All heavy atoms as atom14 arrays in JSON, in Angstrom:
{
  "sequence": "EIDMANLAQSLAQHAADTFELADTVLNGVVHRLE",
  "atom14_mask": [
    [1, 1, 1, 1, 1, 1, 1, 1, 1, 0, 0, 0, 0, 0],
    [1, 1, 1, 1, 1, 1, 1, 1, 0, 0, 0, 0, 0, 0],
    [1, 1, 1, 1, 1, 1, 1, 1, 0, 0, 0, 0, 0, 0],
    [1, 1, 1, 1, 1, 1, 1, 1, 0, 0, 0, 0, 0, 0],
    [1, 1, 1, 1, 1, 0, 0, 0, 0, 0, 0, 0, 0, 0],
    [1, 1, 1, 1, 1, 1, 1, 1, 0, 0, 0, 0, 0, 0],
    [1, 1, 1, 1, 1, 1, 1, 1, 0, 0, 0, 0, 0, 0],
    [1, 1, 1, 1, 1, 0, 0, 0, 0, 0, 0, 0, 0, 0],
    [1, 1, 1, 1, 1, 1, 1, 1, 1, 0, 0, 0, 0, 0],
    [1, 1, 1, 1, 1, 1, 0, 0, 0, 0, 0, 0, 0, 0],
    [1, 1, 1, 1, 1, 1, 1, 1, 0, 0, 0, 0, 0, 0],
    [1, 1, 1, 1, 1, 0, 0, 0, 0, 0, 0, 0, 0, 0],
    [1, 1, 1, 1, 1, 1, 1, 1, 1, 0, 0, 0, 0, 0],
    [1, 1, 1, 1, 1, 1, 1, 1, 1, 1, 0, 0, 0, 0],
    [1, 1, 1, 1, 1, 0, 0, 0, 0, 0, 0, 0, 0, 0],
    [1, 1, 1, 1, 1, 0, 0, 0, 0, 0, 0, 0, 0, 0],
    [1, 1, 1, 1, 1, 1, 1, 1, 0, 0, 0, 0, 0, 0],
    [1, 1, 1, 1, 1, 1, 1, 0, 0, 0, 0, 0, 0, 0],
    [1, 1, 1, 1, 1, 1, 1, 1, 1, 1, 1, 0, 0, 0],
    [1, 1, 1, 1, 1, 1, 1, 1, 1, 0, 0, 0, 0, 0],
    [1, 1, 1, 1, 1, 1, 1, 1, 0, 0, 0, 0, 0, 0],
    [1, 1, 1, 1, 1, 0, 0, 0, 0, 0, 0, 0, 0, 0],
    [1, 1, 1, 1, 1, 1, 1, 1, 0, 0, 0, 0, 0, 0],
    [1, 1, 1, 1, 1, 1, 1, 0, 0, 0, 0, 0, 0, 0],
    [1, 1, 1, 1, 1, 1, 1, 0, 0, 0, 0, 0, 0, 0],
    [1, 1, 1, 1, 1, 1, 1, 1, 0, 0, 0, 0, 0, 0],
    [1, 1, 1, 1, 1, 1, 1, 1, 0, 0, 0, 0, 0, 0],
    [1, 1, 1, 1, 0, 0, 0, 0, 0, 0, 0, 0, 0, 0],
    [1, 1, 1, 1, 1, 1, 1, 0, 0, 0, 0, 0, 0, 0],
    [1, 1, 1, 1, 1, 1, 1, 0, 0, 0, 0, 0, 0, 0],
    [1, 1, 1, 1, 1, 1, 1, 1, 1, 1, 0, 0, 0, 0],
    [1, 1, 1, 1, 1, 1, 1, 1, 1, 1, 1, 0, 0, 0],
    [1, 1, 1, 1, 1, 1, 1, 1, 0, 0, 0, 0, 0, 0],
    [1, 1, 1, 1, 1, 1, 1, 1, 1, 0, 0, 0, 0, 0]
  ],
  "atom14_positions": [
    [[0.83, -1.2, 0.0], [0.0, 0.0, 0.0], [0.86, 1.26, 0.0], [0.58, 2.22, -0.72], [-0.9, 0.01, 1.24], [-2.07, -0.94, 1.18], [-2.94, -0.84, 2.42], [-2.85, 0.18, 3.13], [-3.7, -1.78, 2.66], [0.0, 0.0, 0.0], [0.0, 0.0, 0.0], [0.0, 0.0, 0.0], [0.0, 0.0, 0.0], [0.0, 0.0, 0.0]],
    [[1.92, 1.23, 0.81], [2.82, 2.39, 0.88], [3.49, 2.62, -0.47], [3.59, 3.76, -0.97], [3.86, 2.19, 1.99], [3.16, 2.17, 3.36], [4.92, 3.3, 1.96], [4.07, 1.79, 4.5], [0.0, 0.0, 0.0], [0.0, 0.0, 0.0], [0.0, 0.0, 0.0], [0.0, 0.0, 0.0], [0.0, 0.0, 0.0], [0.0, 0.0, 0.0]],
    [[3.95, 1.52, -1.1], [4.59, 1.65, -2.42], [3.6, 2.22, -3.44], [3.95, 3.1, -4.26], [5.09, 0.29, -2.89], [6.24, -0.22, -2.05], [6.89, 0.61, -1.37], [6.5, -1.43, -2.07], [0.0, 0.0, 0.0], [0.0, 0.0, 0.0], [0.0, 0.0, 0.0], [0.0, 0.0, 0.0], [0.0, 0.0, 0.0], [0.0, 0.0, 0.0]],
    [[2.38, 1.71, -3.41], [1.37, 2.19, -4.35], [1.02, 3.66, -4.08], [0.75, 4.43, -5.0], [0.1, 1.32, -4.26], [0.27, -0.1, -4.76], [0.61, -0.19, -6.54], [2.4, -0.37, -6.5], [0.0, 0.0, 0.0], [0.0, 0.0, 0.0], [0.0, 0.0, 0.0], [0.0, 0.0, 0.0], [0.0, 0.0, 0.0], [0.0, 0.0, 0.0]],
    [[1.0, 4.04, -2.8], [0.71, 5.43, -2.46], [1.76, 6.37, -3.03], [1.46, 7.42, -3.59], [0.6, 5.59, -0.94], [0.0, 0.0, 0.0], [0.0, 0.0, 0.0], [0.0, 0.0, 0.0], [0.0, 0.0, 0.0], [0.0, 0.0, 0.0], [0.0, 0.0, 0.0], [0.0, 0.0, 0.0], [0.0, 0.0, 0.0], [0.0, 0.0, 0.0]],
    [[3.02, 5.98, -2.86], [4.11, 6.81, -3.4], [4.04, 6.9, -4.92], [4.25, 7.97, -5.5], [5.46, 6.23, -2.97], [5.67, 6.33, -1.47], [5.1, 7.2, -0.82], [6.47, 5.44, -0.92], [0.0, 0.0, 0.0], [0.0, 0.0, 0.0], [0.0, 0.0, 0.0], [0.0, 0.0, 0.0], [0.0, 0.0, 0.0], [0.0, 0.0, 0.0]],
    [[3.76, 5.76, -5.55], [3.66, 5.76, -7.01], [2.48, 6.61, -7.48], [2.61, 7.41, -8.42], [3.5, 4.32, -7.51], [3.34, 4.15, -9.02], [4.54, 4.71, -9.76], [3.13, 2.68, -9.38], [0.0, 0.0, 0.0], [0.0, 0.0, 0.0], [0.0, 0.0, 0.0], [0.0, 0.0, 0.0], [0.0, 0.0, 0.0], [0.0, 0.0, 0.0]],
    [[1.33, 6.46, -6.82], [0.15, 7.25, -7.21], [0.4, 8.74, -7.05], [-0.02, 9.55, -7.88], [-1.06, 6.82, -6.39], [0.0, 0.0, 0.0], [0.0, 0.0, 0.0], [0.0, 0.0, 0.0], [0.0, 0.0, 0.0], [0.0, 0.0, 0.0], [0.0, 0.0, 0.0], [0.0, 0.0, 0.0], [0.0, 0.0, 0.0], [0.0, 0.0, 0.0]],
    [[1.12, 9.1, -5.97], [1.45, 10.51, -5.76], [2.28, 11.05, -6.91], [2.03, 12.14, -7.44], [2.2, 10.64, -4.43], [2.83, 12.01, -4.18], [1.81, 13.09, -3.96], [0.7, 12.81, -3.54], [2.15, 14.33, -4.26], [0.0, 0.0, 0.0], [0.0, 0.0, 0.0], [0.0, 0.0, 0.0], [0.0, 0.0, 0.0], [0.0, 0.0, 0.0]],
    [[3.31, 10.29, -7.31], [4.18, 10.73, -8.41], [3.42, 10.83, -9.73], [3.57, 11.8, -10.47], [5.35, 9.75, -8.54], [6.1, 9.71, -7.36], [0.0, 0.0, 0.0], [0.0, 0.0, 0.0], [0.0, 0.0, 0.0], [0.0, 0.0, 0.0], [0.0, 0.0, 0.0], [0.0, 0.0, 0.0], [0.0, 0.0, 0.0], [0.0, 0.0, 0.0]],
    [[2.6, 9.82, -10.01], [1.88, 9.81, -11.29], [0.81, 10.91, -11.33], [0.59, 11.53, -12.38], [1.24, 8.45, -11.51], [2.23, 7.28, -11.67], [1.48, 5.98, -11.85], [3.17, 7.53, -12.84], [0.0, 0.0, 0.0], [0.0, 0.0, 0.0], [0.0, 0.0, 0.0], [0.0, 0.0, 0.0], [0.0, 0.0, 0.0], [0.0, 0.0, 0.0]],
    [[0.16, 11.16, -10.2], [-0.84, 12.24, -10.16], [-0.17, 13.59, -10.4], [-0.71, 14.45, -11.1], [-1.57, 12.23, -8.81], [0.0, 0.0, 0.0], [0.0, 0.0, 0.0], [0.0, 0.0, 0.0], [0.0, 0.0, 0.0], [0.0, 0.0, 0.0], [0.0, 0.0, 0.0], [0.0, 0.0, 0.0], [0.0, 0.0, 0.0], [0.0, 0.0, 0.0]],
    [[1.02, 13.77, -9.81], [1.75, 15.02, -10.02], [2.16, 15.17, -11.49], [2.1, 16.26, -12.06], [2.98, 15.06, -9.12], [3.76, 16.37, -9.16], [2.91, 17.54, -8.69], [2.3, 17.46, -7.63], [2.87, 18.61, -9.47], [0.0, 0.0, 0.0], [0.0, 0.0, 0.0], [0.0, 0.0, 0.0], [0.0, 0.0, 0.0], [0.0, 0.0, 0.0]],
    [[2.59, 14.04, -12.08], [2.99, 14.08, -13.49], [1.81, 14.46, -14.39], [1.94, 15.3, -15.3], [3.54, 12.71, -13.9], [3.8, 12.58, -15.36], [2.87, 12.05, -16.24], [4.88, 12.93, -16.11], [3.37, 12.06, -17.46], [4.58, 12.59, -17.42], [0.0, 0.0, 0.0], [0.0, 0.0, 0.0], [0.0, 0.0, 0.0], [0.0, 0.0, 0.0]],
    [[0.64, 13.86, -14.13], [-0.54, 14.17, -14.93], [-0.95, 15.63, -14.75], [-1.28, 16.33, -15.72], [-1.69, 13.25, -14.55], [0.0, 0.0, 0.0], [0.0, 0.0, 0.0], [0.0, 0.0, 0.0], [0.0, 0.0, 0.0], [0.0, 0.0, 0.0], [0.0, 0.0, 0.0], [0.0, 0.0, 0.0], [0.0, 0.0, 0.0], [0.0, 0.0, 0.0]],
    [[-0.9, 16.09, -13.48], [-1.26, 17.49, -13.22], [-0.29, 18.44, -13.92], [-0.7, 19.47, -14.48], [-1.27, 17.75, -11.71], [0.0, 0.0, 0.0], [0.0, 0.0, 0.0], [0.0, 0.0, 0.0], [0.0, 0.0, 0.0], [0.0, 0.0, 0.0], [0.0, 0.0, 0.0], [0.0, 0.0, 0.0], [0.0, 0.0, 0.0], [0.0, 0.0, 0.0]],
    [[1.01, 18.09, -13.9], [1.99, 18.94, -14.58], [1.72, 19.01, -16.08], [1.89, 20.06, -16.72], [3.4, 18.39, -14.32], [3.83, 18.56, -12.89], [3.18, 19.35, -12.16], [4.82, 17.92, -12.48], [0.0, 0.0, 0.0], [0.0, 0.0, 0.0], [0.0, 0.0, 0.0], [0.0, 0.0, 0.0], [0.0, 0.0, 0.0], [0.0, 0.0, 0.0]],
    [[1.32, 17.86, -16.64], [1.05, 17.83, -18.09], [-0.09, 18.77, -18.45], [0.01, 19.58, -19.39], [0.71, 16.39, -18.51], [1.83, 15.54, -18.21], [0.41, 16.33, -20.0], [0.0, 0.0, 0.0], [0.0, 0.0, 0.0], [0.0, 0.0, 0.0], [0.0, 0.0, 0.0], [0.0, 0.0, 0.0], [0.0, 0.0, 0.0], [0.0, 0.0, 0.0]],
    [[-1.2, 18.7, -17.71], [-2.35, 19.54, -18.04], [-2.14, 20.98, -17.57], [-2.78, 21.9, -18.1], [-3.63, 18.93, -17.46], [-4.05, 17.7, -18.21], [-3.8, 16.43, -17.69], [-4.66, 17.79, -19.45], [-4.17, 15.3, -18.38], [-5.04, 16.66, -20.14], [-4.79, 15.4, -19.62], [0.0, 0.0, 0.0], [0.0, 0.0, 0.0], [0.0, 0.0, 0.0]],
    [[-1.26, 21.18, -16.59], [-0.89, 22.54, -16.21], [-0.15, 23.22, -17.36], [-0.36, 24.4, -17.66], [0.0, 22.5, -14.96], [0.34, 23.86, -14.38], [-0.85, 24.51, -13.69], [-1.66, 23.79, -13.1], [-0.95, 25.75, -13.77], [0.0, 0.0, 0.0], [0.0, 0.0, 0.0], [0.0, 0.0, 0.0], [0.0, 0.0, 0.0], [0.0, 0.0, 0.0]],
    [[0.73, 22.44, -18.03], [1.44, 22.97, -19.19], [0.45, 23.3, -20.31], [0.54, 24.36, -20.95], [2.46, 21.93, -19.67], [3.2, 22.27, -20.96], [4.03, 23.54, -20.79], [4.09, 21.09, -21.37], [0.0, 0.0, 0.0], [0.0, 0.0, 0.0], [0.0, 0.0, 0.0], [0.0, 0.0, 0.0], [0.0, 0.0, 0.0], [0.0, 0.0, 0.0]],
    [[-0.51, 22.39, -20.53], [-1.51, 22.64, -21.57], [-2.32, 23.89, -21.25], [-2.6, 24.72, -22.13], [-2.43, 21.44, -21.7], [0.0, 0.0, 0.0], [0.0, 0.0, 0.0], [0.0, 0.0, 0.0], [0.0, 0.0, 0.0], [0.0, 0.0, 0.0], [0.0, 0.0, 0.0], [0.0, 0.0, 0.0], [0.0, 0.0, 0.0], [0.0, 0.0, 0.0]],
    [[-2.68, 24.07, -19.99], [-3.46, 25.23, -19.58], [-2.68, 26.53, -19.84], [-3.24, 27.53, -20.32], [-3.81, 25.1, -18.09], [-4.81, 26.15, -17.65], [-5.68, 26.54, -18.45], [-4.72, 26.61, -16.5], [0.0, 0.0, 0.0], [0.0, 0.0, 0.0], [0.0, 0.0, 0.0], [0.0, 0.0, 0.0], [0.0, 0.0, 0.0], [0.0, 0.0, 0.0]],
    [[-1.4, 26.5, -19.53], [-0.57, 27.69, -19.74], [-0.49, 28.05, -21.22], [-0.61, 29.23, -21.61], [0.84, 27.44, -19.17], [0.74, 27.14, -17.78], [1.73, 28.65, -19.36], [0.0, 0.0, 0.0], [0.0, 0.0, 0.0], [0.0, 0.0, 0.0], [0.0, 0.0, 0.0], [0.0, 0.0, 0.0], [0.0, 0.0, 0.0], [0.0, 0.0, 0.0]],
    [[-0.25, 27.04, -22.05], [-0.16, 27.28, -23.5], [-1.48, 27.82, -24.04], [-1.53, 28.78, -24.82], [0.26, 25.99, -24.22], [0.18, 26.19, -25.74], [1.67, 25.59, -23.82], [0.0, 0.0, 0.0], [0.0, 0.0, 0.0], [0.0, 0.0, 0.0], [0.0, 0.0, 0.0], [0.0, 0.0, 0.0], [0.0, 0.0, 0.0], [0.0, 0.0, 0.0]],
    [[-2.6, 27.21, -23.61], [-3.91, 27.63, -24.1], [-4.23, 29.06, -23.66], [-4.82, 29.84, -24.43], [-4.99, 26.67, -23.6], [-4.94, 25.25, -24.17], [-6.03, 24.39, -23.56], [-5.09, 25.27, -25.69], [0.0, 0.0, 0.0], [0.0, 0.0, 0.0], [0.0, 0.0, 0.0], [0.0, 0.0, 0.0], [0.0, 0.0, 0.0], [0.0, 0.0, 0.0]],
    [[-3.85, 29.43, -22.45], [-4.09, 30.79, -21.97], [-3.39, 31.82, -22.88], [-3.92, 32.89, -23.18], [-3.6, 30.94, -20.53], [-4.58, 30.33, -19.55], [-5.76, 30.2, -19.83], [-4.07, 29.93, -18.38], [0.0, 0.0, 0.0], [0.0, 0.0, 0.0], [0.0, 0.0, 0.0], [0.0, 0.0, 0.0], [0.0, 0.0, 0.0], [0.0, 0.0, 0.0]],
    [[-2.14, 31.48, -23.27], [-1.4, 32.38, -24.15], [-2.08, 32.57, -25.49], [-2.17, 33.7, -26.02], [0.0, 0.0, 0.0], [0.0, 0.0, 0.0], [0.0, 0.0, 0.0], [0.0, 0.0, 0.0], [0.0, 0.0, 0.0], [0.0, 0.0, 0.0], [0.0, 0.0, 0.0], [0.0, 0.0, 0.0], [0.0, 0.0, 0.0], [0.0, 0.0, 0.0]],
    [[-2.57, 31.47, -26.07], [-3.22, 31.56, -27.38], [-4.54, 32.31, -27.27], [-4.88, 33.16, -28.11], [-3.43, 30.16, -27.96], [-4.19, 30.23, -29.29], [-2.08, 29.47, -28.18], [0.0, 0.0, 0.0], [0.0, 0.0, 0.0], [0.0, 0.0, 0.0], [0.0, 0.0, 0.0], [0.0, 0.0, 0.0], [0.0, 0.0, 0.0], [0.0, 0.0, 0.0]],
    [[-5.33, 32.0, -26.21], [-6.61, 32.68, -26.02], [-6.4, 34.18, -25.87], [-7.14, 35.01, -26.44], [-7.34, 32.1, -24.79], [-8.52, 33.0, -24.39], [-7.82, 30.69, -25.08], [0.0, 0.0, 0.0], [0.0, 0.0, 0.0], [0.0, 0.0, 0.0], [0.0, 0.0, 0.0], [0.0, 0.0, 0.0], [0.0, 0.0, 0.0], [0.0, 0.0, 0.0]],
    [[-5.38, 34.56, -25.13], [-5.1, 35.98, -24.94], [-4.81, 36.67, -26.28], [-5.33, 37.77, -26.57], [-3.91, 36.14, -23.99], [-3.5, 37.58, -23.79], [-4.23, 38.47, -23.03], [-2.43, 38.28, -24.29], [-3.64, 39.65, -23.03], [-2.54, 39.56, -23.79], [0.0, 0.0, 0.0], [0.0, 0.0, 0.0], [0.0, 0.0, 0.0], [0.0, 0.0, 0.0]],
    [[-4.0, 36.05, -27.14], [-3.67, 36.63, -28.44], [-4.92, 36.76, -29.31], [-5.13, 37.77, -29.99], [-2.61, 35.79, -29.16], [-1.25, 35.82, -28.47], [-0.25, 34.97, -29.26], [0.05, 35.55, -30.56], [1.08, 36.36, -30.79], [1.91, 36.68, -29.81], [1.29, 36.85, -32.0], [0.0, 0.0, 0.0], [0.0, 0.0, 0.0], [0.0, 0.0, 0.0]],
    [[-5.75, 35.73, -29.26], [-6.95, 35.76, -30.09], [-7.91, 36.86, -29.64], [-8.52, 37.56, -30.45], [-7.65, 34.4, -30.05], [-6.97, 33.29, -30.85], [-7.54, 31.94, -30.48], [-7.15, 33.54, -32.36], [0.0, 0.0, 0.0], [0.0, 0.0, 0.0], [0.0, 0.0, 0.0], [0.0, 0.0, 0.0], [0.0, 0.0, 0.0], [0.0, 0.0, 0.0]],
    [[-8.09, 37.0, -28.34], [-9.03, 37.99, -27.84], [-8.5, 39.42, -27.98], [-9.25, 40.38, -28.02], [-9.39, 37.68, -26.39], [-10.21, 36.39, -26.27], [-10.66, 36.14, -24.84], [-10.1, 36.76, -23.92], [-11.59, 35.32, -24.66], [0.0, 0.0, 0.0], [0.0, 0.0, 0.0], [0.0, 0.0, 0.0], [0.0, 0.0, 0.0], [0.0, 0.0, 0.0]]
  ]
}
């Protein structure tokens, strides 16, 4: 359980980082368009 908890924490952070990057890029494009 402890091993799985550590792994889930890392993978959740990785997924959040990925969509955080997407959000940042999209904000820049939306700003230019508007």
